[in-house]
């Protein structure tokens, strides 16, 4: 996992060059120009303290396999104010530590699927969130029609928080319902054990973390 940067743009474009039907529900850049814009927007989100994006890199080959990010940060320090201002920390947003966050905007090249790369990337993000930041909650969401993403989230051991019906407009222009999930601080040890158990049963090809 590397913080997303301009040097990853060509790798993102290559990773996303497969069948576009695979990316019906998640924003994925198409071609070199879109990849550069994708990175630019991600860096703007980081500068504003609104998100933190990563390139997913295979250790064996050094190739970019996709991207993921932290987003929708919540900060609960400081005085209680009303109305609540979502995602606004006290002080410098680049130094602030969130109390809760969401993992999203995850996509992988078709060849990376089924190799445990999504599991490893989620493990790295969750370890940082719970063990470095000390967050109270990590949330995840998916278009209710995106069964692949929903199954991947559920395999992690995340708890369903329900479906918000007619929640927003989907990438295809249709009104979408959204499935929400979360992992709480006290659930993290169990989730971590679940992920490690699944990774131990998978082959090592394309892995992110060294043996």
N, C-alpha and C. Protein backbone atom coordinates (compact mmCIF):
# COMPACT_ATOMS: atom_id res chain seq x y z
N UNK A 1 0.85 -1.17 0.00
CA UNK A 1 0.00 0.00 0.00
C UNK A 1 0.89 1.24 0.00
N UNK A 2 0.70 2.12 -0.98
CA UNK A 2 1.46 3.36 -1.05
C UNK A 2 0.48 4.52 -1.19
N UNK A 3 0.73 5.64 -0.48
CA UNK A 3 -0.12 6.81 -0.68
C UNK A 3 -0.20 7.15 -2.17
N UNK A 4 -1.40 7.35 -2.67
CA UNK A 4 -1.58 7.58 -4.10
C UNK A 4 -0.85 8.85 -4.54
N UNK A 5 -0.11 8.76 -5.63
CA UNK A 5 0.72 9.86 -6.10
C UNK A 5 0.72 9.86 -7.64
N UNK A 6 1.17 10.96 -8.25
CA UNK A 6 1.15 11.03 -9.73
C UNK A 6 1.89 9.88 -10.41
N UNK A 7 2.96 9.35 -9.80
CA UNK A 7 3.69 8.27 -10.45
C UNK A 7 2.88 6.98 -10.56
N UNK A 8 1.74 6.90 -9.86
CA UNK A 8 0.90 5.71 -9.95
C UNK A 8 -0.11 5.78 -11.09
N UNK A 9 -0.23 6.93 -11.75
CA UNK A 9 -1.30 7.13 -12.73
C UNK A 9 -1.23 6.12 -13.87
N UNK A 10 -0.04 5.89 -14.42
CA UNK A 10 0.06 4.95 -15.55
C UNK A 10 -0.29 3.54 -15.10
N UNK A 11 0.11 3.17 -13.88
CA UNK A 11 -0.24 1.85 -13.36
C UNK A 11 -1.73 1.70 -13.13
N UNK A 12 -2.38 2.77 -12.66
CA UNK A 12 -3.84 2.74 -12.49
C UNK A 12 -4.53 2.54 -13.83
N UNK A 13 -4.06 3.27 -14.83
CA UNK A 13 -4.68 3.13 -16.16
C UNK A 13 -4.54 1.71 -16.69
N UNK A 14 -3.37 1.12 -16.48
CA UNK A 14 -3.15 -0.26 -16.93
C UNK A 14 -4.03 -1.24 -16.15
N UNK A 15 -4.12 -1.05 -14.84
CA UNK A 15 -4.92 -1.96 -14.01
C UNK A 15 -6.40 -1.89 -14.36
N UNK A 16 -6.86 -0.71 -14.82
CA UNK A 16 -8.27 -0.51 -15.10
C UNK A 16 -8.61 -0.71 -16.57
N UNK A 17 -7.68 -1.28 -17.34
CA UNK A 17 -7.88 -1.37 -18.79
C UNK A 17 -8.73 -2.56 -19.22
N UNK A 18 -9.24 -3.34 -18.27
CA UNK A 18 -10.02 -4.52 -18.62
C UNK A 18 -11.46 -4.19 -18.96
N UNK A 19 -12.31 -5.17 -18.82
CA UNK A 19 -13.73 -5.05 -19.15
C UNK A 19 -14.38 -3.99 -18.27
N UNK A 20 -14.94 -2.94 -18.87
CA UNK A 20 -15.55 -1.86 -18.09
C UNK A 20 -16.82 -2.30 -17.39
N UNK A 21 -17.40 -3.42 -17.81
CA UNK A 21 -18.58 -3.94 -17.12
C UNK A 21 -18.26 -4.31 -15.68
N UNK A 22 -16.99 -4.58 -15.40
CA UNK A 22 -16.58 -4.94 -14.04
C UNK A 22 -16.63 -3.74 -13.10
N UNK A 23 -16.76 -2.53 -13.66
CA UNK A 23 -16.72 -1.32 -12.84
C UNK A 23 -18.02 -0.53 -12.96
N UNK A 24 -19.13 -1.24 -12.93
CA UNK A 24 -20.42 -0.59 -13.11
C UNK A 24 -20.83 0.25 -11.90
N UNK A 25 -20.29 -0.06 -10.73
CA UNK A 25 -20.79 0.58 -9.50
C UNK A 25 -19.74 1.41 -8.76
N UNK A 26 -18.50 1.42 -9.25
CA UNK A 26 -17.41 2.12 -8.55
C UNK A 26 -16.68 3.03 -9.52
N UNK A 27 -16.40 4.28 -9.13
CA UNK A 27 -15.64 5.18 -10.03
C UNK A 27 -14.23 4.64 -10.27
N UNK A 28 -13.93 4.34 -11.52
CA UNK A 28 -12.63 3.79 -11.89
C UNK A 28 -12.15 4.54 -13.13
N UNK A 29 -10.91 5.07 -13.13
CA UNK A 29 -10.44 5.84 -14.28
C UNK A 29 -10.30 4.98 -15.53
N UNK A 30 -10.55 5.60 -16.68
CA UNK A 30 -10.45 4.90 -17.96
C UNK A 30 -9.45 5.66 -18.83
N UNK A 31 -8.25 5.10 -18.97
CA UNK A 31 -7.24 5.73 -19.79
C UNK A 31 -6.32 6.64 -18.98
N UNK A 32 -5.25 7.08 -19.64
CA UNK A 32 -4.20 7.84 -18.95
C UNK A 32 -4.68 9.17 -18.42
N UNK A 33 -5.48 9.90 -19.22
CA UNK A 33 -5.93 11.22 -18.79
C UNK A 33 -6.84 11.12 -17.56
N UNK A 34 -7.77 10.17 -17.58
CA UNK A 34 -8.65 10.00 -16.43
C UNK A 34 -7.88 9.54 -15.20
N UNK A 35 -6.85 8.74 -15.41
CA UNK A 35 -6.04 8.28 -14.27
C UNK A 35 -5.32 9.45 -13.61
N UNK A 36 -4.79 10.37 -14.41
CA UNK A 36 -4.13 11.55 -13.86
C UNK A 36 -5.13 12.42 -13.09
N UNK A 37 -6.33 12.58 -13.64
CA UNK A 37 -7.36 13.36 -12.95
C UNK A 37 -7.82 12.66 -11.67
N UNK A 38 -7.89 11.34 -11.72
CA UNK A 38 -8.26 10.55 -10.54
C UNK A 38 -7.26 10.81 -9.41
N UNK A 39 -5.98 10.79 -9.73
CA UNK A 39 -4.94 11.04 -8.73
C UNK A 39 -5.02 12.47 -8.23
N UNK A 40 -5.24 13.41 -9.14
CA UNK A 40 -5.32 14.82 -8.77
C UNK A 40 -6.46 15.07 -7.78
N UNK A 41 -7.61 14.49 -8.06
CA UNK A 41 -8.75 14.65 -7.16
C UNK A 41 -8.48 13.99 -5.81
N UNK A 42 -7.83 12.85 -5.82
CA UNK A 42 -7.50 12.17 -4.57
C UNK A 42 -6.56 13.02 -3.73
N UNK A 43 -5.56 13.62 -4.36
CA UNK A 43 -4.60 14.46 -3.63
C UNK A 43 -5.29 15.71 -3.08
N UNK A 44 -6.25 16.25 -3.81
CA UNK A 44 -7.00 17.40 -3.31
C UNK A 44 -7.80 17.02 -2.06
N UNK A 45 -8.36 15.80 -2.06
CA UNK A 45 -9.09 15.32 -0.90
C UNK A 45 -8.18 15.15 0.30
N UNK A 46 -6.96 14.67 0.06
CA UNK A 46 -6.00 14.52 1.15
C UNK A 46 -5.59 15.88 1.71
N UNK A 47 -5.34 16.84 0.83
CA UNK A 47 -4.94 18.18 1.28
C UNK A 47 -6.01 18.85 2.12
N UNK A 48 -7.27 18.53 1.83
CA UNK A 48 -8.39 19.11 2.57
C UNK A 48 -8.71 18.33 3.84
N UNK A 49 -8.02 17.20 4.05
CA UNK A 49 -8.31 16.37 5.21
C UNK A 49 -9.57 15.57 5.08
N UNK A 50 -10.06 15.40 3.83
CA UNK A 50 -11.33 14.71 3.61
C UNK A 50 -11.16 13.24 3.27
N UNK A 51 -9.97 12.83 2.83
CA UNK A 51 -9.75 11.43 2.45
C UNK A 51 -8.26 11.15 2.43
N UNK A 52 -7.93 9.88 2.32
CA UNK A 52 -6.53 9.45 2.23
C UNK A 52 -6.51 8.23 1.32
N UNK A 53 -6.02 8.43 0.09
CA UNK A 53 -6.08 7.40 -0.94
C UNK A 53 -4.76 6.66 -1.08
N UNK A 54 -4.85 5.40 -1.51
CA UNK A 54 -3.68 4.54 -1.66
C UNK A 54 -3.71 3.81 -3.00
N UNK A 55 -2.54 3.56 -3.52
CA UNK A 55 -2.38 2.60 -4.61
C UNK A 55 -2.11 1.24 -3.99
N UNK A 56 -2.73 0.21 -4.55
CA UNK A 56 -2.52 -1.16 -4.09
C UNK A 56 -1.47 -1.79 -5.00
N UNK A 57 -0.33 -2.18 -4.41
CA UNK A 57 0.82 -2.65 -5.17
C UNK A 57 1.10 -4.11 -4.85
N UNK A 58 1.30 -4.94 -5.86
CA UNK A 58 1.71 -6.33 -5.65
C UNK A 58 3.20 -6.37 -5.36
N UNK A 59 3.59 -6.99 -4.24
CA UNK A 59 5.01 -7.06 -3.85
C UNK A 59 5.83 -7.80 -4.91
N UNK A 60 5.31 -8.90 -5.41
CA UNK A 60 6.11 -9.75 -6.31
C UNK A 60 6.47 -9.04 -7.60
N UNK A 61 5.53 -8.30 -8.18
CA UNK A 61 5.73 -7.68 -9.49
C UNK A 61 5.95 -6.18 -9.43
N UNK A 62 5.56 -5.54 -8.34
CA UNK A 62 5.63 -4.08 -8.26
C UNK A 62 4.56 -3.38 -9.05
N UNK A 63 3.61 -4.13 -9.58
CA UNK A 63 2.56 -3.54 -10.41
C UNK A 63 1.43 -2.97 -9.56
N UNK A 64 0.84 -1.89 -10.06
CA UNK A 64 -0.37 -1.34 -9.43
C UNK A 64 -1.53 -2.27 -9.75
N UNK A 65 -2.25 -2.68 -8.71
CA UNK A 65 -3.37 -3.60 -8.88
C UNK A 65 -4.73 -2.94 -8.65
N UNK A 66 -4.72 -1.69 -8.19
CA UNK A 66 -5.98 -1.00 -7.94
C UNK A 66 -5.78 0.12 -6.94
N UNK A 67 -6.87 0.53 -6.30
CA UNK A 67 -6.80 1.64 -5.37
C UNK A 67 -7.87 1.49 -4.30
N UNK A 68 -7.65 2.16 -3.17
CA UNK A 68 -8.62 2.19 -2.08
C UNK A 68 -8.33 3.43 -1.26
N UNK A 69 -9.23 3.78 -0.34
CA UNK A 69 -8.98 4.98 0.46
C UNK A 69 -9.79 5.01 1.75
N UNK A 70 -9.28 5.80 2.70
CA UNK A 70 -10.06 6.23 3.85
C UNK A 70 -10.84 7.48 3.44
N UNK A 71 -12.07 7.59 3.91
CA UNK A 71 -12.85 8.78 3.60
C UNK A 71 -13.90 8.99 4.69
N UNK A 72 -14.65 10.06 4.58
CA UNK A 72 -15.74 10.39 5.52
C UNK A 72 -15.27 10.30 6.97
N UNK A 73 -14.25 11.08 7.28
CA UNK A 73 -13.71 11.11 8.63
C UNK A 73 -14.68 11.80 9.59
N UNK A 74 -14.73 11.29 10.81
CA UNK A 74 -15.45 11.94 11.90
C UNK A 74 -14.46 12.30 13.00
N UNK A 75 -14.60 13.49 13.55
CA UNK A 75 -13.74 13.96 14.64
C UNK A 75 -14.64 14.36 15.80
N UNK A 76 -14.41 13.75 16.95
CA UNK A 76 -15.27 13.98 18.11
C UNK A 76 -14.56 14.74 19.22
N UNK A 77 -13.32 15.20 18.99
CA UNK A 77 -12.62 15.96 20.01
C UNK A 77 -13.16 17.39 20.05
N UNK A 78 -12.84 18.09 21.13
CA UNK A 78 -13.21 19.49 21.24
C UNK A 78 -14.64 19.68 21.74
N UNK A 79 -15.11 20.92 21.75
CA UNK A 79 -16.45 21.20 22.29
C UNK A 79 -17.55 20.61 21.42
N UNK A 80 -18.66 20.26 22.07
CA UNK A 80 -19.82 19.77 21.35
C UNK A 80 -20.54 20.97 20.73
N UNK A 81 -20.72 20.93 19.43
CA UNK A 81 -21.39 22.03 18.72
C UNK A 81 -22.60 21.51 17.97
N UNK A 82 -23.54 22.38 17.73
CA UNK A 82 -24.72 22.03 16.95
C UNK A 82 -25.07 23.19 16.02
N UNK A 83 -25.33 22.93 14.75
CA UNK A 83 -25.35 21.60 14.13
C UNK A 83 -23.95 21.03 13.95
N UNK A 84 -23.88 19.70 13.96
CA UNK A 84 -22.60 19.02 13.81
C UNK A 84 -22.03 19.27 12.42
N UNK A 85 -20.74 19.59 12.35
CA UNK A 85 -20.05 19.79 11.08
C UNK A 85 -19.27 18.53 10.77
N UNK A 86 -19.74 17.77 9.79
CA UNK A 86 -19.14 16.47 9.48
C UNK A 86 -17.75 16.64 8.89
N UNK A 87 -16.81 15.83 9.40
CA UNK A 87 -15.49 15.73 8.79
C UNK A 87 -14.59 16.93 9.01
N UNK A 88 -14.89 17.77 10.00
CA UNK A 88 -14.07 18.94 10.24
C UNK A 88 -13.32 18.79 11.56
N UNK A 89 -12.00 18.66 11.52
CA UNK A 89 -11.23 18.46 12.77
C UNK A 89 -10.90 19.78 13.44
N UNK A 90 -10.47 19.69 14.69
CA UNK A 90 -9.89 20.84 15.38
C UNK A 90 -8.44 20.97 14.91
N UNK A 91 -8.04 22.14 14.43
CA UNK A 91 -6.65 22.35 14.05
C UNK A 91 -6.35 21.89 12.63
N UNK A 92 -5.09 21.56 12.40
CA UNK A 92 -4.59 21.19 11.07
C UNK A 92 -5.18 19.86 10.63
N UNK A 93 -5.93 19.83 9.50
CA UNK A 93 -6.55 18.58 9.06
C UNK A 93 -5.54 17.51 8.69
N UNK A 94 -4.31 17.91 8.32
CA UNK A 94 -3.30 16.93 7.94
C UNK A 94 -2.68 16.25 9.16
N UNK A 95 -2.87 16.84 10.34
CA UNK A 95 -2.32 16.26 11.56
C UNK A 95 -3.40 15.64 12.44
N UNK A 96 -4.66 15.86 12.10
CA UNK A 96 -5.76 15.38 12.94
C UNK A 96 -5.89 13.87 12.86
N UNK A 97 -6.29 13.26 13.97
CA UNK A 97 -6.52 11.82 14.05
C UNK A 97 -8.03 11.60 14.16
N UNK A 98 -8.64 10.87 13.24
CA UNK A 98 -10.09 10.71 13.27
C UNK A 98 -10.54 9.75 14.37
N UNK A 99 -11.78 9.91 14.79
CA UNK A 99 -12.40 8.99 15.74
C UNK A 99 -13.21 7.91 15.03
N UNK A 100 -13.58 8.16 13.80
CA UNK A 100 -14.28 7.18 12.98
C UNK A 100 -14.01 7.53 11.53
N UNK A 101 -14.09 6.55 10.65
CA UNK A 101 -13.82 6.78 9.24
C UNK A 101 -14.51 5.71 8.41
N UNK A 102 -14.46 5.89 7.11
CA UNK A 102 -15.03 4.91 6.18
C UNK A 102 -13.92 4.46 5.23
N UNK A 103 -13.96 3.19 4.86
CA UNK A 103 -13.09 2.65 3.81
C UNK A 103 -13.95 2.47 2.57
N UNK A 104 -13.50 3.04 1.46
CA UNK A 104 -14.30 2.94 0.25
C UNK A 104 -13.50 3.23 -1.00
N UNK A 105 -14.23 3.42 -2.11
CA UNK A 105 -13.62 3.67 -3.41
C UNK A 105 -12.58 2.61 -3.76
N UNK A 106 -12.88 1.37 -3.36
CA UNK A 106 -11.94 0.27 -3.60
C UNK A 106 -12.23 -0.39 -4.94
N UNK A 107 -11.20 -0.56 -5.74
CA UNK A 107 -11.34 -1.33 -6.97
C UNK A 107 -10.02 -2.04 -7.27
N UNK A 108 -10.13 -3.16 -7.97
CA UNK A 108 -8.97 -3.98 -8.32
C UNK A 108 -9.03 -4.37 -9.79
N UNK A 109 -7.88 -4.60 -10.37
CA UNK A 109 -7.84 -5.15 -11.72
C UNK A 109 -8.43 -6.55 -11.69
N UNK A 110 -9.04 -7.01 -12.78
CA UNK A 110 -9.65 -8.35 -12.78
C UNK A 110 -8.69 -9.45 -12.37
N UNK A 111 -7.41 -9.35 -12.76
CA UNK A 111 -6.45 -10.41 -12.44
C UNK A 111 -6.13 -10.48 -10.95
N UNK A 112 -6.42 -9.40 -10.22
CA UNK A 112 -6.11 -9.38 -8.79
C UNK A 112 -7.19 -10.01 -7.94
N UNK A 113 -8.34 -10.26 -8.53
CA UNK A 113 -9.45 -10.79 -7.74
C UNK A 113 -9.24 -12.26 -7.44
N UNK A 114 -9.62 -12.64 -6.24
CA UNK A 114 -9.52 -14.03 -5.84
C UNK A 114 -8.17 -14.45 -5.32
N UNK A 115 -7.22 -13.49 -5.26
CA UNK A 115 -5.87 -13.81 -4.80
C UNK A 115 -5.62 -13.36 -3.37
N UNK A 116 -6.64 -12.84 -2.71
CA UNK A 116 -6.49 -12.37 -1.35
C UNK A 116 -6.01 -10.94 -1.24
N UNK A 117 -5.87 -10.24 -2.36
CA UNK A 117 -5.35 -8.88 -2.33
C UNK A 117 -6.33 -7.93 -1.65
N UNK A 118 -7.62 -8.10 -1.90
CA UNK A 118 -8.59 -7.25 -1.20
C UNK A 118 -8.53 -7.48 0.30
N UNK A 119 -8.40 -8.75 0.71
CA UNK A 119 -8.29 -9.06 2.13
C UNK A 119 -7.06 -8.41 2.75
N UNK A 120 -5.91 -8.52 2.06
CA UNK A 120 -4.68 -7.95 2.61
C UNK A 120 -4.76 -6.43 2.70
N UNK A 121 -5.31 -5.80 1.66
CA UNK A 121 -5.39 -4.34 1.69
C UNK A 121 -6.32 -3.87 2.79
N UNK A 122 -7.44 -4.58 2.98
CA UNK A 122 -8.35 -4.22 4.07
C UNK A 122 -7.69 -4.43 5.43
N UNK A 123 -6.92 -5.50 5.55
CA UNK A 123 -6.23 -5.76 6.81
C UNK A 123 -5.26 -4.62 7.14
N UNK A 124 -4.50 -4.16 6.15
CA UNK A 124 -3.56 -3.07 6.37
C UNK A 124 -4.28 -1.79 6.78
N UNK A 125 -5.38 -1.47 6.11
CA UNK A 125 -6.13 -0.28 6.45
C UNK A 125 -6.75 -0.38 7.84
N UNK A 126 -7.34 -1.53 8.13
CA UNK A 126 -8.01 -1.70 9.42
C UNK A 126 -7.00 -1.70 10.56
N UNK A 127 -5.84 -2.31 10.35
CA UNK A 127 -4.79 -2.27 11.39
C UNK A 127 -4.39 -0.84 11.69
N UNK A 128 -4.22 -0.04 10.65
CA UNK A 128 -3.84 1.35 10.87
C UNK A 128 -4.95 2.12 11.58
N UNK A 129 -6.18 1.90 11.14
CA UNK A 129 -7.30 2.64 11.72
C UNK A 129 -7.48 2.32 13.21
N UNK A 130 -7.49 1.04 13.54
CA UNK A 130 -7.79 0.65 14.92
C UNK A 130 -6.56 0.68 15.83
N UNK A 131 -5.38 0.37 15.29
CA UNK A 131 -4.21 0.19 16.14
C UNK A 131 -3.27 1.40 16.15
N UNK A 132 -3.38 2.26 15.15
CA UNK A 132 -2.57 3.49 15.13
C UNK A 132 -3.44 4.70 15.46
N UNK A 133 -4.51 4.87 14.72
CA UNK A 133 -5.42 5.99 15.00
C UNK A 133 -6.26 5.76 16.25
N UNK A 134 -6.63 4.50 16.52
CA UNK A 134 -7.50 4.21 17.64
C UNK A 134 -8.94 4.61 17.40
N UNK A 135 -9.44 4.40 16.17
CA UNK A 135 -10.81 4.78 15.86
C UNK A 135 -11.80 3.91 16.62
N UNK A 136 -13.00 4.44 16.76
CA UNK A 136 -14.09 3.70 17.41
C UNK A 136 -14.92 2.91 16.40
N UNK A 137 -14.88 3.35 15.14
CA UNK A 137 -15.71 2.67 14.12
C UNK A 137 -15.10 2.87 12.74
N UNK A 138 -15.14 1.79 11.95
CA UNK A 138 -14.86 1.87 10.52
C UNK A 138 -16.14 1.45 9.80
N UNK A 139 -16.56 2.28 8.87
CA UNK A 139 -17.76 1.99 8.08
C UNK A 139 -17.37 1.61 6.66
N UNK A 140 -18.25 0.87 6.00
CA UNK A 140 -18.11 0.53 4.58
C UNK A 140 -19.50 0.54 3.97
N UNK A 141 -19.57 0.75 2.68
CA UNK A 141 -20.86 0.78 2.01
C UNK A 141 -20.73 0.24 0.60
N UNK A 142 -21.86 -0.14 0.00
CA UNK A 142 -21.85 -0.62 -1.38
C UNK A 142 -23.23 -0.42 -1.98
N UNK A 143 -23.26 -0.14 -3.28
CA UNK A 143 -24.52 -0.17 -4.02
C UNK A 143 -25.17 -1.53 -3.75
N UNK A 144 -26.44 -1.51 -3.40
CA UNK A 144 -27.09 -2.76 -3.02
C UNK A 144 -27.07 -3.79 -4.15
N UNK A 145 -26.93 -3.33 -5.38
CA UNK A 145 -26.86 -4.24 -6.54
C UNK A 145 -25.48 -4.86 -6.72
N UNK A 146 -24.49 -4.32 -6.02
CA UNK A 146 -23.11 -4.77 -6.21
C UNK A 146 -22.84 -5.96 -5.27
N UNK A 147 -23.29 -7.12 -5.69
CA UNK A 147 -23.20 -8.29 -4.84
C UNK A 147 -21.75 -8.70 -4.56
N UNK A 148 -20.85 -8.49 -5.53
CA UNK A 148 -19.45 -8.85 -5.30
C UNK A 148 -18.86 -8.04 -4.15
N UNK A 149 -19.10 -6.74 -4.15
CA UNK A 149 -18.56 -5.90 -3.08
C UNK A 149 -19.22 -6.21 -1.75
N UNK A 150 -20.52 -6.44 -1.76
CA UNK A 150 -21.21 -6.74 -0.51
C UNK A 150 -20.70 -8.05 0.10
N UNK A 151 -20.50 -9.05 -0.73
CA UNK A 151 -19.98 -10.32 -0.22
C UNK A 151 -18.57 -10.17 0.32
N UNK A 152 -17.75 -9.34 -0.35
CA UNK A 152 -16.38 -9.13 0.12
C UNK A 152 -16.37 -8.44 1.48
N UNK A 153 -17.26 -7.46 1.66
CA UNK A 153 -17.35 -6.78 2.96
C UNK A 153 -17.82 -7.74 4.04
N UNK A 154 -18.81 -8.55 3.72
CA UNK A 154 -19.35 -9.49 4.70
C UNK A 154 -18.35 -10.56 5.08
N UNK A 155 -17.48 -10.96 4.13
CA UNK A 155 -16.45 -11.96 4.44
C UNK A 155 -15.45 -11.43 5.46
N UNK A 156 -15.28 -10.12 5.52
CA UNK A 156 -14.37 -9.54 6.50
C UNK A 156 -14.86 -9.74 7.93
N UNK A 157 -16.16 -9.92 8.06
CA UNK A 157 -16.76 -9.98 9.40
C UNK A 157 -17.43 -8.70 9.80
N UNK A 158 -17.61 -7.76 8.86
CA UNK A 158 -18.31 -6.51 9.16
C UNK A 158 -19.78 -6.79 9.43
N UNK A 159 -20.39 -5.95 10.25
CA UNK A 159 -21.80 -6.10 10.63
C UNK A 159 -22.67 -5.24 9.73
N UNK A 160 -23.76 -5.80 9.25
CA UNK A 160 -24.69 -5.03 8.43
C UNK A 160 -25.43 -4.01 9.28
N UNK A 161 -25.44 -2.77 8.82
CA UNK A 161 -26.20 -1.72 9.48
C UNK A 161 -27.51 -1.43 8.75
N UNK A 162 -27.82 -2.26 7.74
CA UNK A 162 -29.06 -2.10 7.01
C UNK A 162 -28.89 -1.47 5.64
N UNK A 163 -29.98 -1.30 4.95
CA UNK A 163 -30.00 -0.74 3.60
C UNK A 163 -30.79 0.56 3.62
N UNK A 164 -30.17 1.61 3.12
CA UNK A 164 -30.88 2.88 2.97
C UNK A 164 -31.48 2.92 1.56
N UNK A 165 -32.77 2.86 1.51
CA UNK A 165 -33.46 2.74 0.23
C UNK A 165 -33.48 4.08 -0.51
N UNK A 166 -33.39 3.98 -1.85
CA UNK A 166 -33.38 5.17 -2.70
C UNK A 166 -32.44 6.22 -2.11
N UNK A 167 -31.21 5.80 -1.88
CA UNK A 167 -30.27 6.63 -1.12
C UNK A 167 -29.60 7.71 -1.95
N UNK A 168 -29.21 7.38 -3.19
CA UNK A 168 -28.48 8.34 -4.00
C UNK A 168 -28.53 7.91 -5.47
N UNK A 169 -27.91 8.70 -6.29
CA UNK A 169 -27.83 8.37 -7.72
C UNK A 169 -26.60 7.50 -7.97
N UNK A 170 -26.79 6.40 -8.66
CA UNK A 170 -25.68 5.51 -8.97
C UNK A 170 -24.90 5.97 -10.18
N UNK A 171 -23.77 5.31 -10.45
CA UNK A 171 -22.94 5.67 -11.59
C UNK A 171 -23.66 5.50 -12.92
N UNK A 172 -24.66 4.60 -12.94
CA UNK A 172 -25.41 4.37 -14.17
C UNK A 172 -26.57 5.34 -14.32
N UNK A 173 -26.69 6.29 -13.41
CA UNK A 173 -27.76 7.27 -13.49
C UNK A 173 -29.04 6.86 -12.79
N UNK A 174 -29.12 5.59 -12.38
CA UNK A 174 -30.32 5.11 -11.70
C UNK A 174 -30.25 5.45 -10.20
N UNK A 175 -31.41 5.62 -9.60
CA UNK A 175 -31.46 5.82 -8.16
C UNK A 175 -31.09 4.51 -7.48
N UNK A 176 -30.10 4.55 -6.62
CA UNK A 176 -29.59 3.34 -5.99
C UNK A 176 -29.95 3.30 -4.51
N UNK A 177 -30.10 2.09 -4.00
CA UNK A 177 -30.14 1.87 -2.57
C UNK A 177 -28.74 1.46 -2.13
N UNK A 178 -28.40 1.75 -0.88
CA UNK A 178 -27.03 1.54 -0.41
C UNK A 178 -27.03 0.65 0.83
N UNK A 179 -26.20 -0.39 0.79
CA UNK A 179 -26.00 -1.27 1.94
C UNK A 179 -24.85 -0.72 2.78
N UNK A 180 -25.10 -0.56 4.09
CA UNK A 180 -24.11 -0.02 5.00
C UNK A 180 -23.63 -1.11 5.96
N UNK A 181 -22.33 -1.04 6.28
CA UNK A 181 -21.70 -1.99 7.19
C UNK A 181 -20.77 -1.23 8.14
N UNK A 182 -20.43 -1.87 9.26
CA UNK A 182 -19.48 -1.25 10.17
C UNK A 182 -18.72 -2.31 10.96
N UNK A 183 -17.55 -1.89 11.45
CA UNK A 183 -16.75 -2.67 12.39
C UNK A 183 -16.44 -1.75 13.56
N UNK A 184 -16.77 -2.16 14.77
CA UNK A 184 -16.51 -1.35 15.95
C UNK A 184 -15.17 -1.74 16.59
N UNK A 185 -14.66 -0.85 17.40
CA UNK A 185 -13.36 -1.07 18.05
C UNK A 185 -13.32 -2.40 18.79
N UNK A 186 -14.40 -2.73 19.51
CA UNK A 186 -14.40 -3.96 20.29
C UNK A 186 -14.55 -5.21 19.42
N UNK A 187 -14.98 -5.03 18.18
CA UNK A 187 -15.12 -6.16 17.25
C UNK A 187 -13.85 -6.42 16.45
N UNK A 188 -12.92 -5.47 16.48
CA UNK A 188 -11.74 -5.58 15.65
C UNK A 188 -10.92 -6.85 15.90
N UNK A 189 -10.65 -7.27 17.15
CA UNK A 189 -9.87 -8.50 17.32
C UNK A 189 -10.49 -9.71 16.62
N UNK A 190 -11.80 -9.83 16.66
CA UNK A 190 -12.47 -10.95 16.00
C UNK A 190 -12.37 -10.82 14.49
N UNK A 191 -12.55 -9.62 13.98
CA UNK A 191 -12.44 -9.39 12.53
C UNK A 191 -11.02 -9.67 12.06
N UNK A 192 -10.05 -9.20 12.82
CA UNK A 192 -8.64 -9.44 12.46
C UNK A 192 -8.35 -10.94 12.39
N UNK A 193 -8.84 -11.70 13.35
CA UNK A 193 -8.62 -13.15 13.33
C UNK A 193 -9.31 -13.79 12.12
N UNK A 194 -10.48 -13.30 11.77
CA UNK A 194 -11.20 -13.82 10.61
C UNK A 194 -10.40 -13.59 9.33
N UNK A 195 -9.86 -12.38 9.16
CA UNK A 195 -9.09 -12.07 7.96
C UNK A 195 -7.81 -12.89 7.91
N UNK A 196 -7.10 -13.00 9.03
CA UNK A 196 -5.87 -13.80 9.04
C UNK A 196 -6.17 -15.26 8.70
N UNK A 197 -7.29 -15.78 9.21
CA UNK A 197 -7.65 -17.15 8.91
C UNK A 197 -7.92 -17.36 7.43
N UNK A 198 -8.58 -16.41 6.80
CA UNK A 198 -8.85 -16.52 5.37
C UNK A 198 -7.58 -16.38 4.54
N UNK A 199 -6.69 -15.46 4.96
CA UNK A 199 -5.45 -15.28 4.22
C UNK A 199 -4.55 -16.52 4.29
N UNK A 200 -4.55 -17.19 5.43
CA UNK A 200 -3.69 -18.36 5.59
C UNK A 200 -4.11 -19.51 4.68
N UNK A 201 -5.34 -19.47 4.21
CA UNK A 201 -5.83 -20.54 3.35
C UNK A 201 -5.70 -20.20 1.87
N UNK A 202 -5.09 -19.03 1.54
CA UNK A 202 -4.99 -18.58 0.15
C UNK A 202 -3.57 -18.69 -0.36
N UNK A 203 -3.40 -18.78 -1.70
CA UNK A 203 -2.06 -18.80 -2.28
C UNK A 203 -1.39 -17.45 -2.11
N UNK A 204 -0.06 -17.41 -2.28
CA UNK A 204 0.71 -16.20 -2.03
C UNK A 204 0.91 -15.35 -3.27
N UNK A 205 0.40 -15.74 -4.42
CA UNK A 205 0.67 -14.98 -5.64
C UNK A 205 0.10 -13.57 -5.51
N UNK A 206 0.85 -12.62 -6.04
CA UNK A 206 0.45 -11.20 -6.07
C UNK A 206 0.29 -10.56 -4.71
N UNK A 207 0.75 -11.22 -3.66
CA UNK A 207 0.46 -10.71 -2.32
C UNK A 207 1.03 -9.33 -2.11
N UNK A 208 0.44 -8.59 -1.18
CA UNK A 208 0.86 -7.23 -0.86
C UNK A 208 1.93 -7.20 0.21
N UNK A 209 1.81 -8.08 1.20
CA UNK A 209 2.71 -8.07 2.35
C UNK A 209 3.77 -9.15 2.19
N UNK A 210 5.02 -8.86 2.52
CA UNK A 210 6.07 -9.89 2.40
C UNK A 210 5.83 -11.03 3.38
N UNK A 211 6.28 -12.22 3.01
CA UNK A 211 6.12 -13.38 3.88
C UNK A 211 6.99 -13.24 5.11
